[in-house]
C-alpha atoms as a PDB file:
ATOM      1  CA  MET A   1      -7.054 -16.509  -1.507  1.00  0.00           C
ATOM      2  CA  THR A   2      -8.439 -13.833   0.676  1.00  0.00           C
ATOM      3  CA  ILE A   3      -6.551 -10.543   0.574  1.00  0.00           C
ATOM      4  CA  GLU A   4      -7.123  -8.499   3.950  1.00  0.00           C
ATOM      5  CA  PHE A   5      -6.365  -4.671   4.278  1.00  0.00           C
ATOM      6  CA  ARG A   6      -5.786  -3.385   7.913  1.00  0.00           C
ATOM      7  CA  ALA A   7      -7.122  -0.149   8.553  1.00  0.00           C
ATOM      8  CA  GLU A   8      -4.111   0.907  10.785  1.00  0.00           C
ATOM      9  CA  PHE A   9      -1.660   0.239   8.031  1.00  0.00           C
ATOM     10  CA  PRO A  10      -1.889   2.307   4.982  1.00  0.00           C
ATOM     11  CA  PHE A  11      -1.971   0.460   1.536  1.00  0.00           C
ATOM     12  CA  LEU A  12      -0.895   3.459  -0.359  1.00  0.00           C
ATOM     13  CA  GLN A  13      -0.321   7.273  -0.343  1.00  0.00           C
ATOM     14  CA  ILE A  14      -1.503   9.517  -2.733  1.00  0.00           C
ATOM     15  CA  GLN A  15       0.029  13.086  -3.117  1.00  0.00           C
ATOM     16  CA  PRO A  16      -1.383  15.530  -5.545  1.00  0.00           C
ATOM     17  CA  LEU A  17       1.107  17.333  -8.032  1.00  0.00           C
ATOM     18  CA  HIS A  18       1.125  20.779  -9.588  1.00  0.00           C
ATOM     19  CA  ARG A  19       0.288  20.354 -13.207  1.00  0.00           C
ATOM     20  CA  ASN A  20       3.907  21.461 -14.274  1.00  0.00           C
ATOM     21  CA  VAL A  21       5.316  18.660 -12.456  1.00  0.00           C
ATOM     22  CA  TYR A  22       3.574  16.167 -14.897  1.00  0.00           C
ATOM     23  CA  SER A  23       4.146  17.836 -18.099  1.00  0.00           C
ATOM     24  CA  ASP A  24       5.574  15.544 -21.087  1.00  0.00           C
ATOM     25  CA  ALA A  25       8.928  17.103 -20.607  1.00  0.00           C
ATOM     26  CA  VAL A  26       9.206  15.533 -17.260  1.00  0.00           C
ATOM     27  CA  LEU A  27       7.242  12.524 -17.469  1.00  0.00           C
ATOM     28  CA  ASN A  28       9.270  11.493 -20.752  1.00  0.00           C
ATOM     29  CA  ASN A  29      12.651  12.096 -18.725  1.00  0.00           C
ATOM     30  CA  PHE A  30      13.349   8.804 -17.564  1.00  0.00           C
ATOM     31  CA  LYS A  31      15.996   6.042 -18.026  1.00  0.00           C
ATOM     32  CA  VAL A  32      15.397   2.282 -18.272  1.00  0.00           C
ATOM     33  CA  VAL A  33      17.851   0.261 -16.320  1.00  0.00           C
ATOM     34  CA  THR A  34      18.275  -3.216 -17.452  1.00  0.00           C
ATOM     35  CA  GLU A  35      20.841  -4.651 -14.881  1.00  0.00           C
ATOM     36  CA  LEU A  36      20.955  -3.695 -11.465  1.00  0.00           C
ATOM     37  CA  SER A  37      24.848  -3.042 -11.850  1.00  0.00           C
ATOM     38  CA  MET A  38      23.713  -0.045 -14.115  1.00  0.00           C
ATOM     39  CA  ILE A  39      22.270   1.579 -10.971  1.00  0.00           C
ATOM     40  CA  PRO A  40      24.749   4.209  -9.657  1.00  0.00           C
ATOM     41  CA  GLY A  41      26.179   3.763  -5.968  1.00  0.00           C
ATOM     42  CA  GLU A  42      24.681   7.291  -4.792  1.00  0.00           C
ATOM     43  CA  ASP A  43      21.128   5.679  -5.823  1.00  0.00           C
ATOM     44  CA  TRP A  44      21.614   2.570  -3.819  1.00  0.00           C
ATOM     45  CA  ALA A  45      22.704   4.737  -0.879  1.00  0.00           C
ATOM     46  CA  ARG A  46      19.493   6.703  -1.010  1.00  0.00           C
ATOM     47  CA  PHE A  47      17.692   3.661  -1.426  1.00  0.00           C
ATOM     48  CA  GLU A  48      19.218   2.089   1.721  1.00  0.00           C
ATOM     49  CA  GLU A  49      18.786   5.349   3.570  1.00  0.00           C
ATOM     50  CA  THR A  50      15.106   5.825   2.658  1.00  0.00           C
ATOM     51  CA  VAL A  51      13.646   2.357   2.409  1.00  0.00           C
ATOM     52  CA  ILE A  52      15.941  -0.310   4.086  1.00  0.00           C
ATOM     53  CA  GLU A  53      17.277   1.642   6.937  1.00  0.00           C
ATOM     54  CA  PRO A  54      14.133   2.930   8.568  1.00  0.00           C
ATOM     55  CA  ASN A  55      12.473  -0.688   8.285  1.00  0.00           C
ATOM     56  CA  THR A  56      15.267  -2.306  10.301  1.00  0.00           C
ATOM     57  CA  GLN A  57      14.741   0.000  13.459  1.00  0.00           C
ATOM     58  CA  GLN A  58      12.354  -1.796  15.582  1.00  0.00           C
ATOM     59  CA  PRO A  59       9.999  -0.864  17.388  1.00  0.00           C
ATOM     60  CA  ARG A  60       8.800   1.797  14.705  1.00  0.00           C
ATOM     61  CA  ALA A  61       6.130   3.955  15.749  1.00  0.00           C
ATOM     62  CA  MET A  62       3.075   4.216  13.642  1.00  0.00           C
ATOM     63  CA  GLY A  63       2.939   7.393  11.683  1.00  0.00           C
ATOM     64  CA  HIS A  64       6.653   7.818  12.073  1.00  0.00           C
ATOM     65  CA  TYR A  65       7.063   8.759   8.238  1.00  0.00           C
ATOM     66  CA  ALA A  66       4.144  11.306   8.447  1.00  0.00           C
ATOM     67  CA  VAL A  67       6.011  13.158  11.421  1.00  0.00           C
ATOM     68  CA  ALA A  68       9.571  13.020   9.877  1.00  0.00           C
ATOM     69  CA  VAL A  69       7.902  14.556   6.685  1.00  0.00           C
ATOM     70  CA  ARG A  70       6.164  17.343   8.495  1.00  0.00           C
ATOM     71  CA  LYS A  71       9.374  18.283  10.518  1.00  0.00           C
ATOM     72  CA  ARG A  72      11.508  18.292   7.453  1.00  0.00           C
ATOM     73  CA  ARG A  73       8.914  20.516   5.616  1.00  0.00           C
ATOM     74  CA  LYS A  74       8.985  22.900   8.261  1.00  0.00           C
ATOM     75  CA  THR A  75      12.704  23.515   7.837  1.00  0.00           C
ATOM     76  CA  THR A  76      12.669  23.654   4.017  1.00  0.00           C
ATOM     77  CA  ASP A  77       9.506  25.583   3.469  1.00  0.00           C
ATOM     78  CA  VAL A  78      10.338  28.450   5.637  1.00  0.00           C
ATOM     79  CA  GLY A  79       9.133  31.809   3.774  1.00  0.00           C
ATOM     80  CA  HIS A  80       7.387  29.856   0.930  1.00  0.00           C
ATOM     81  CA  ASP A  81       3.646  30.098   0.133  1.00  0.00           C
END
């Protein structure tokens, strides 16, 4: 079966991380969830807010996520180098 990738829809996004972010202490700090019932309600709420809800808003402009991130960065990165 042929798989086609369309140029106007990104397949993935890569973001470089500072070296201290991917240290062994950080990478080895995770939990394995064996059942969905083990996921806290707060995590489900954040998942719905960031994954489910944006994909139900139609029509959604191309680049919507990138625009939102840039706007958020402007308000949270003020005064940081």
